[in-house]
């Protein structure tokens, strides 16, 4: 499986009410002691793509949300969708 780069055409979760709370993901990453680059590598994403997601310039696709939950089972997906 190749890395998803910042130019990939992916379906974003724009139809979800409120979208995805990237502040929670950033907080989770920091509490786990990971850099953005390490998080991107763990999720098999390019650093640029992950950075754009965390800074709310891109929304994660369903595929990426699945990767997050599979890699970090302790993450609370309900909090990821809170505003």
C-alpha atoms as a PDB file:
ATOM      1  CA  UNK A   1       0.000   0.000   0.000  1.00  0.00           C
ATOM      2  CA  UNK A   2       1.493   3.345  -1.025  1.00  0.00           C
ATOM      3  CA  UNK A   3       1.423   6.477   1.031  1.00  0.00           C
ATOM      4  CA  UNK A   4      -1.332   8.989   0.444  1.00  0.00           C
ATOM      5  CA  UNK A   5       0.213  12.283  -0.584  1.00  0.00           C
ATOM      6  CA  UNK A   6      -1.122  15.797  -0.407  1.00  0.00           C
ATOM      7  CA  UNK A   7      -2.297  15.688  -4.009  1.00  0.00           C
ATOM      8  CA  UNK A   8      -4.375  12.500  -3.801  1.00  0.00           C
ATOM      9  CA  UNK A   9      -8.039  12.816  -4.650  1.00  0.00           C
ATOM     10  CA  UNK A  10      -9.875  11.329  -1.661  1.00  0.00           C
ATOM     11  CA  UNK A  11     -13.451  11.567  -0.465  1.00  0.00           C
ATOM     12  CA  UNK A  12     -13.540  13.877   2.535  1.00  0.00           C
ATOM     13  CA  UNK A  13     -16.063  13.655   5.325  1.00  0.00           C
ATOM     14  CA  UNK A  14     -17.678  16.948   4.467  1.00  0.00           C
ATOM     15  CA  UNK A  15     -21.177  15.524   4.803  1.00  0.00           C
ATOM     16  CA  UNK A  16     -20.776  14.761   8.498  1.00  0.00           C
ATOM     17  CA  UNK A  17     -22.366  17.356  10.779  1.00  0.00           C
ATOM     18  CA  UNK A  18     -19.585  19.279  12.448  1.00  0.00           C
ATOM     19  CA  UNK A  19     -16.870  17.328  10.654  1.00  0.00           C
ATOM     20  CA  UNK A  20     -13.836  15.922  12.401  1.00  0.00           C
ATOM     21  CA  UNK A  21     -12.227  17.542  15.453  1.00  0.00           C
ATOM     22  CA  UNK A  22      -8.582  17.730  14.439  1.00  0.00           C
ATOM     23  CA  UNK A  23      -7.697  19.445  17.733  1.00  0.00           C
ATOM     24  CA  UNK A  24      -8.532  16.159  19.472  1.00  0.00           C
ATOM     25  CA  UNK A  25      -6.296  14.224  17.079  1.00  0.00           C
ATOM     26  CA  UNK A  26      -3.474  16.721  17.646  1.00  0.00           C
ATOM     27  CA  UNK A  27      -3.909  16.453  21.412  1.00  0.00           C
ATOM     28  CA  UNK A  28      -3.960  12.645  21.187  1.00  0.00           C
ATOM     29  CA  UNK A  29      -0.762  12.675  19.112  1.00  0.00           C
ATOM     30  CA  UNK A  30       0.996  14.989  21.551  1.00  0.00           C
ATOM     31  CA  UNK A  31      -0.072  12.913  24.566  1.00  0.00           C
ATOM     32  CA  UNK A  32       1.295   9.841  22.794  1.00  0.00           C
ATOM     33  CA  UNK A  33       4.613  11.681  22.471  1.00  0.00           C
ATOM     34  CA  UNK A  34       4.614  11.562  18.675  1.00  0.00           C
ATOM     35  CA  UNK A  35       5.699  14.222  16.226  1.00  0.00           C
ATOM     36  CA  UNK A  36       3.569  14.974  13.182  1.00  0.00           C
ATOM     37  CA  UNK A  37       6.134  13.111  11.074  1.00  0.00           C
ATOM     38  CA  UNK A  38       5.963  10.021  13.318  1.00  0.00           C
ATOM     39  CA  UNK A  39       2.160  10.077  13.262  1.00  0.00           C
ATOM     40  CA  UNK A  40       2.177  10.347   9.472  1.00  0.00           C
ATOM     41  CA  UNK A  41       4.529   7.380   9.216  1.00  0.00           C
ATOM     42  CA  UNK A  42       2.408   5.332  11.623  1.00  0.00           C
ATOM     43  CA  UNK A  43      -0.638   5.978   9.425  1.00  0.00           C
ATOM     44  CA  UNK A  44       1.264   5.446   6.170  1.00  0.00           C
ATOM     45  CA  UNK A  45       0.618   9.031   5.070  1.00  0.00           C
ATOM     46  CA  UNK A  46       3.021  11.598   3.724  1.00  0.00           C
ATOM     47  CA  UNK A  47       4.114  14.179   6.270  1.00  0.00           C
ATOM     48  CA  UNK A  48       2.606  17.005   4.189  1.00  0.00           C
ATOM     49  CA  UNK A  49      -0.773  15.295   3.937  1.00  0.00           C
ATOM     50  CA  UNK A  50      -0.916  14.604   7.678  1.00  0.00           C
ATOM     51  CA  UNK A  51       0.153  18.174   8.511  1.00  0.00           C
ATOM     52  CA  UNK A  52      -2.614  19.553   6.283  1.00  0.00           C
ATOM     53  CA  UNK A  53      -5.140  17.281   8.023  1.00  0.00           C
ATOM     54  CA  UNK A  54      -4.052  18.279  11.508  1.00  0.00           C
ATOM     55  CA  UNK A  55      -4.120  21.965  10.563  1.00  0.00           C
ATOM     56  CA  UNK A  56      -7.663  21.572   9.187  1.00  0.00           C
ATOM     57  CA  UNK A  57      -6.769  22.217   5.545  1.00  0.00           C
ATOM     58  CA  UNK A  58      -7.887  18.673   4.620  1.00  0.00           C
ATOM     59  CA  UNK A  59     -10.399  16.322   6.173  1.00  0.00           C
ATOM     60  CA  UNK A  60      -9.472  12.670   6.660  1.00  0.00           C
ATOM     61  CA  UNK A  61     -11.151  10.133   4.441  1.00  0.00           C
ATOM     62  CA  UNK A  62     -13.021   7.190   5.919  1.00  0.00           C
ATOM     63  CA  UNK A  63     -10.006   5.029   5.004  1.00  0.00           C
ATOM     64  CA  UNK A  64      -7.705   7.232   7.083  1.00  0.00           C
ATOM     65  CA  UNK A  65     -10.105   7.194  10.040  1.00  0.00           C
ATOM     66  CA  UNK A  66     -10.050   3.393   9.897  1.00  0.00           C
ATOM     67  CA  UNK A  67      -6.242   3.464   9.877  1.00  0.00           C
ATOM     68  CA  UNK A  68      -6.232   5.752  12.923  1.00  0.00           C
ATOM     69  CA  UNK A  69      -8.485   3.396  14.882  1.00  0.00           C
ATOM     70  CA  UNK A  70      -6.580   0.278  13.805  1.00  0.00           C
ATOM     71  CA  UNK A  71      -3.195   1.764  14.740  1.00  0.00           C
ATOM     72  CA  UNK A  72      -4.321   3.551  17.914  1.00  0.00           C
ATOM     73  CA  UNK A  73      -7.044   1.399  19.457  1.00  0.00           C
ATOM     74  CA  UNK A  74      -7.175   3.614  22.551  1.00  0.00           C
ATOM     75  CA  UNK A  75      -8.330   6.691  20.604  1.00  0.00           C
ATOM     76  CA  UNK A  76     -11.907   7.723  21.355  1.00  0.00           C
ATOM     77  CA  UNK A  77     -13.539   8.055  17.953  1.00  0.00           C
ATOM     78  CA  UNK A  78     -16.578   9.745  19.547  1.00  0.00           C
ATOM     79  CA  UNK A  79     -14.341  12.628  20.661  1.00  0.00           C
ATOM     80  CA  UNK A  80     -12.933  12.866  17.166  1.00  0.00           C
ATOM     81  CA  UNK A  81     -16.407  13.834  15.932  1.00  0.00           C
ATOM     82  CA  UNK A  82     -17.271  16.259  18.749  1.00  0.00           C
ATOM     83  CA  UNK A  83     -17.096  19.981  18.295  1.00  0.00           C
END
